[in-house]
Amino acid sequence: MKYLILCKSLTNAQRAALVLERHGIGATVVKAPQHMRANGCGYAVSLYRRLGEAVSLLKSAGLLTGKVYLREADDSYREAHENDLSR
């Protein structure tokens, strides 16, 4: 499953991806889908696993600045809920 963590800037996304990579969580900086950019969040960090750990690490580092989404089977995105963080 693919997850997107929206970031407030490109620099924030790059820093977030670096923190995750340093903890063994594969992450890539991507452009956020157009419909998610309403609040100026043009970039996101994309990852495929360990969402809960990633969110925790980014919170601790002060880098969790945007919403977290997961991609559904039909390729649409929905905002992640607390129970999704156990993935």
Protein backbone atom coordinates (compact mmCIF):
# COMPACT_ATOMS: atom_id res chain seq x y z
CA MET A 1 0.00 0.00 0.00
CA LYS A 2 1.27 3.46 -0.80
CA TYR A 3 1.22 6.30 1.71
CA LEU A 4 1.73 10.01 1.20
CA ILE A 5 2.79 12.42 3.92
CA LEU A 6 2.21 15.98 2.76
CA CYS A 7 4.89 18.53 3.52
CA LYS A 8 4.84 22.32 3.72
CA SER A 9 7.74 22.75 1.30
CA LEU A 10 10.22 20.91 -0.87
CA THR A 11 12.91 21.41 1.77
CA ASN A 12 10.65 19.94 4.46
CA ALA A 13 9.92 16.93 2.25
CA GLN A 14 13.63 16.38 1.58
CA ARG A 15 14.45 16.56 5.29
CA ALA A 16 11.60 14.17 6.14
CA ALA A 17 12.74 11.65 3.53
CA LEU A 18 16.30 11.85 4.88
CA VAL A 19 15.15 11.17 8.45
CA LEU A 20 13.13 8.17 7.29
CA GLU A 21 15.97 6.80 5.15
CA ARG A 22 18.36 7.07 8.12
CA HIS A 23 15.97 4.84 10.07
CA GLY A 24 15.70 2.25 7.29
CA ILE A 25 12.35 3.40 5.92
CA GLY A 26 12.45 3.79 2.15
CA ALA A 27 10.96 7.16 1.24
CA THR A 28 10.82 9.29 -1.89
CA VAL A 29 10.02 12.97 -2.38
CA VAL A 30 7.18 13.37 -4.89
CA LYS A 31 4.86 16.10 -6.14
CA ALA A 32 1.56 15.82 -4.31
CA PRO A 33 -1.48 15.09 -6.48
CA GLN A 34 -3.15 18.29 -7.67
CA HIS A 35 -6.31 17.86 -5.56
CA MET A 36 -4.20 17.65 -2.38
CA ARG A 37 -2.37 20.93 -2.95
CA ALA A 38 -5.16 23.24 -1.75
CA ASN A 39 -3.21 24.34 1.31
CA GLY A 40 0.03 24.95 -0.56
CA CYS A 41 1.39 21.49 0.15
CA GLY A 42 2.98 20.85 -3.24
CA TYR A 43 5.32 18.08 -2.12
CA ALA A 44 4.98 14.86 -0.22
CA VAL A 45 7.00 11.94 1.03
CA SER A 46 5.92 8.63 -0.45
CA LEU A 47 6.43 5.31 1.31
CA TYR A 48 5.03 1.79 1.12
CA ARG A 49 5.32 0.43 4.66
CA ARG A 50 6.00 1.23 8.31
CA LEU A 51 3.59 4.18 8.30
CA GLY A 52 3.17 4.34 12.07
CA GLU A 53 6.90 4.35 12.68
CA ALA A 54 7.40 6.99 9.97
CA VAL A 55 4.76 9.29 11.47
CA SER A 56 6.29 8.88 14.93
CA LEU A 57 9.80 9.67 13.67
CA LEU A 58 8.63 12.74 11.77
CA LYS A 59 6.66 14.01 14.78
CA SER A 60 9.73 13.61 16.99
CA ALA A 61 11.85 15.51 14.47
CA GLY A 62 9.27 18.29 14.09
CA LEU A 63 8.83 17.43 10.42
CA LEU A 64 5.25 16.20 10.36
CA THR A 65 3.65 19.34 8.93
CA GLY A 66 0.87 18.01 6.70
CA LYS A 67 -1.81 15.39 6.44
CA VAL A 68 -1.17 11.69 5.88
CA TYR A 69 -2.96 9.83 3.09
CA LEU A 70 -3.16 6.27 1.90
CA ARG A 71 -3.95 5.07 -1.59
CA GLU A 72 -7.01 2.87 -1.96
CA ALA A 73 -7.35 -0.07 -4.37
CA ASP A 74 -9.09 2.20 -6.91
CA ASP A 75 -6.07 4.59 -6.86
CA SER A 76 -7.98 7.26 -4.94
CA TYR A 77 -6.53 8.67 -1.72
CA ARG A 78 -8.12 9.01 1.69
CA GLU A 79 -6.80 10.64 4.81
CA ALA A 80 -5.21 8.12 7.15
CA HIS A 81 -6.84 7.44 10.51
CA GLU A 82 -5.29 6.38 13.79
CA ASN A 83 -5.90 2.67 13.06
CA ASP A 84 -3.97 3.00 9.78
CA LEU A 85 -0.82 3.89 11.70
CA SER A 86 -0.35 0.29 12.80
CA ARG A 87 0.67 -0.63 9.24
